[in-house]
Amino acid sequence: MIKMKVARIILDPFTNSPIVILKDMEERRALPIWIGLFEANAIAMKLEDVTTPRPMTHDLIANILKSLKATVERIVVNDLINNTFYARIYLNTPGGTIEIDSRPSDAIAIALRTNAPIYVEEVVLQKAKSFDLEDRDKLLKEWLEQLSPEDLEKFRA
């Protein structure tokens, strides 16, 4: 398992669908996960430290867990099947550990509210063909080095 963090939320330029970008802790690999608008809003609100007068759904879940003396041990994005990501939420409860199936977007929103770590199984990174940020930087550098002054003239404002 690879420990990751939420880097940011972006919009797919072709579909305007939100994408949550997870990055590993060394910021060498990233995993884009397309999510719903409501889940993107829930994640973004927590990332921006926006509070609401009443608890939103993921806040409510965190409050319920706290009331039941359960803690989120971790969330794991554990599979990718037919372009659909799957996740598990691992809870520590007074009665033992419980594992719950979840959409990654909901699991991430809950992890952010409970300060739980986010993990991604290596197989998911391979199936999703996550992009290596060092390779991206290397390719960009190579491309820039091959540009001529004439090429750069094309982009002059």
Protein backbone atom coordinates (compact mmCIF):
# COMPACT_ATOMS: atom_id res chain seq x y z
CA MET A 1 0.00 0.00 0.00
CA ILE A 2 1.15 3.50 -0.82
CA LYS A 3 0.30 6.32 1.57
CA MET A 4 -1.14 9.28 -0.30
CA LYS A 5 -2.62 12.70 0.34
CA VAL A 6 -5.16 14.86 -1.42
CA ALA A 7 -3.22 17.27 -3.60
CA ARG A 8 -6.13 19.15 -5.12
CA ILE A 9 -9.36 18.97 -7.06
CA ILE A 10 -9.40 19.91 -10.72
CA LEU A 11 -12.00 19.86 -13.48
CA ASP A 12 -11.67 17.55 -16.46
CA PRO A 13 -11.35 20.03 -19.35
CA PHE A 14 -13.42 17.82 -21.67
CA THR A 15 -16.33 16.84 -19.41
CA ASN A 16 -16.14 19.45 -16.61
CA SER A 17 -16.25 16.52 -14.19
CA PRO A 18 -14.33 16.97 -10.93
CA ILE A 19 -11.16 14.96 -10.43
CA VAL A 20 -9.50 14.49 -7.05
CA ILE A 21 -5.74 14.16 -7.39
CA LEU A 22 -3.99 11.96 -4.84
CA LYS A 23 -0.20 12.20 -4.57
CA ASP A 24 2.19 9.93 -2.74
CA MET A 25 4.02 11.45 0.21
CA GLU A 26 7.22 11.99 -1.81
CA GLU A 27 5.13 13.65 -4.56
CA ARG A 28 6.55 11.32 -7.19
CA ARG A 29 3.31 9.64 -8.27
CA ALA A 30 -0.21 10.91 -8.64
CA LEU A 31 -3.56 9.21 -9.07
CA PRO A 32 -6.51 11.03 -10.64
CA ILE A 33 -9.96 9.80 -9.58
CA TRP A 34 -13.07 11.19 -11.29
CA ILE A 35 -15.72 11.96 -8.67
CA GLY A 36 -19.17 13.47 -8.39
CA LEU A 37 -19.86 17.16 -7.95
CA PHE A 38 -21.29 16.81 -4.43
CA GLU A 39 -18.34 14.74 -3.23
CA ALA A 40 -15.91 17.20 -4.83
CA ASN A 41 -17.66 19.99 -2.96
CA ALA A 42 -17.41 18.06 0.33
CA ILE A 43 -13.68 17.43 -0.19
CA ALA A 44 -13.00 21.01 -1.31
CA MET A 45 -14.87 22.46 1.67
CA LYS A 46 -12.66 20.51 4.06
CA LEU A 47 -9.47 21.36 2.14
CA GLU A 48 -10.41 25.04 2.33
CA ASP A 49 -11.51 24.80 5.99
CA VAL A 50 -15.02 25.99 5.17
CA THR A 51 -17.51 25.40 7.95
CA THR A 52 -21.26 25.21 7.55
CA PRO A 53 -23.90 26.18 10.10
CA ARG A 54 -25.20 22.59 10.14
CA PRO A 55 -23.30 19.34 9.54
CA MET A 56 -23.11 18.17 5.96
CA THR A 57 -23.32 14.42 5.22
CA HIS A 58 -19.64 13.58 5.73
CA ASP A 59 -19.51 15.74 8.87
CA LEU A 60 -22.56 13.86 10.14
CA ILE A 61 -20.83 10.52 9.52
CA ALA A 62 -17.73 11.72 11.41
CA ASN A 63 -19.97 12.88 14.28
CA ILE A 64 -21.77 9.54 14.39
CA LEU A 65 -18.47 7.65 14.48
CA LYS A 66 -17.21 9.87 17.30
CA SER A 67 -20.44 9.36 19.29
CA LEU A 68 -20.06 5.60 18.88
CA LYS A 69 -16.43 5.80 20.02
CA ALA A 70 -15.27 4.55 16.64
CA THR A 71 -12.25 5.96 14.85
CA VAL A 72 -11.27 5.75 11.22
CA GLU A 73 -7.99 3.84 11.21
CA ARG A 74 -7.41 4.35 7.49
CA ILE A 75 -9.07 4.35 4.11
CA VAL A 76 -7.74 2.31 1.23
CA VAL A 77 -8.48 2.70 -2.48
CA ASN A 78 -8.24 -1.00 -3.10
CA ASP A 79 -9.43 -1.79 -6.62
CA LEU A 80 -10.23 -0.52 -10.09
CA ILE A 81 -12.72 -2.56 -12.10
CA ASN A 82 -14.19 -1.40 -15.42
CA ASN A 83 -13.03 2.19 -14.79
CA THR A 84 -14.69 2.23 -11.36
CA PHE A 85 -12.55 2.76 -8.27
CA TYR A 86 -13.36 0.94 -5.03
CA ALA A 87 -12.36 1.81 -1.48
CA ARG A 88 -12.57 0.42 2.04
CA ILE A 89 -12.94 2.33 5.29
CA TYR A 90 -11.32 0.64 8.29
CA LEU A 91 -12.92 1.52 11.61
CA ASN A 92 -11.62 0.81 15.10
CA THR A 93 -14.62 0.29 17.38
CA PRO A 94 -15.00 -0.87 20.99
CA GLY A 95 -16.15 -4.20 19.48
CA GLY A 96 -13.18 -4.58 17.13
CA THR A 97 -12.16 -3.57 13.63
CA ILE A 98 -14.83 -3.13 10.98
CA GLU A 99 -14.20 -2.89 7.23
CA ILE A 100 -16.74 -0.98 5.13
CA ASP A 101 -17.10 -0.82 1.34
CA SER A 102 -17.16 2.75 0.04
CA ARG A 103 -16.80 4.95 -2.98
CA PRO A 104 -13.33 6.51 -2.88
CA SER A 105 -14.78 10.03 -2.91
CA ASP A 106 -16.84 9.38 0.23
CA ALA A 107 -13.95 7.57 1.92
CA ILE A 108 -11.62 10.49 1.16
CA ALA A 109 -14.14 13.05 2.45
CA ILE A 110 -14.49 11.07 5.69
CA ALA A 111 -10.71 10.58 6.01
CA LEU A 112 -10.19 14.34 5.74
CA ARG A 113 -12.74 14.99 8.48
CA THR A 114 -11.26 12.38 10.83
CA ASN A 115 -7.56 12.97 10.05
CA ALA A 116 -7.26 9.37 8.88
CA PRO A 117 -4.49 8.31 6.50
CA ILE A 118 -5.29 7.58 2.85
CA TYR A 119 -3.71 4.59 1.13
CA VAL A 120 -3.84 3.20 -2.40
CA GLU A 121 -3.04 -0.39 -3.27
CA GLU A 122 -0.12 -0.72 -5.69
CA VAL A 123 -2.31 -2.76 -8.06
CA VAL A 124 -4.69 0.20 -8.37
CA LEU A 125 -1.83 2.50 -9.33
CA GLN A 126 -0.76 -0.01 -11.97
CA LYS A 127 -4.27 -0.54 -13.34
CA ALA A 128 -4.92 3.21 -13.44
CA LYS A 129 -1.54 3.87 -14.99
CA SER A 130 -0.93 6.58 -12.43
CA PHE A 131 1.51 9.09 -13.73
CA ASP A 132 5.00 9.43 -12.36
CA LEU A 133 5.62 13.09 -11.63
CA GLU A 134 9.39 12.73 -12.09
CA ASP A 135 8.83 11.30 -15.58
CA ARG A 136 6.45 14.15 -16.38
CA ASP A 137 9.03 16.72 -15.29
CA LYS A 138 11.74 14.95 -17.28
CA LEU A 139 9.58 14.89 -20.42
CA LEU A 140 8.71 18.57 -20.00
CA LYS A 141 12.39 19.47 -19.59
CA GLU A 142 13.33 17.47 -22.71
CA TRP A 143 10.56 19.15 -24.70
CA LEU A 144 11.63 22.63 -23.55
CA GLU A 145 15.26 21.92 -24.41
CA GLN A 146 14.28 21.01 -27.97
CA LEU A 147 12.41 24.25 -28.58
CA SER A 148 14.09 26.76 -30.82
CA PRO A 149 13.77 30.55 -30.53
CA GLU A 150 11.49 30.39 -33.59
CA ASP A 151 9.19 27.95 -31.78
CA LEU A 152 8.95 30.33 -28.84
CA GLU A 153 8.11 33.25 -31.17
CA LYS A 154 4.83 31.49 -32.02
CA PHE A 155 3.63 32.02 -28.46
CA ARG A 156 4.52 35.69 -28.13
CA ALA A 157 1.56 37.77 -27.09
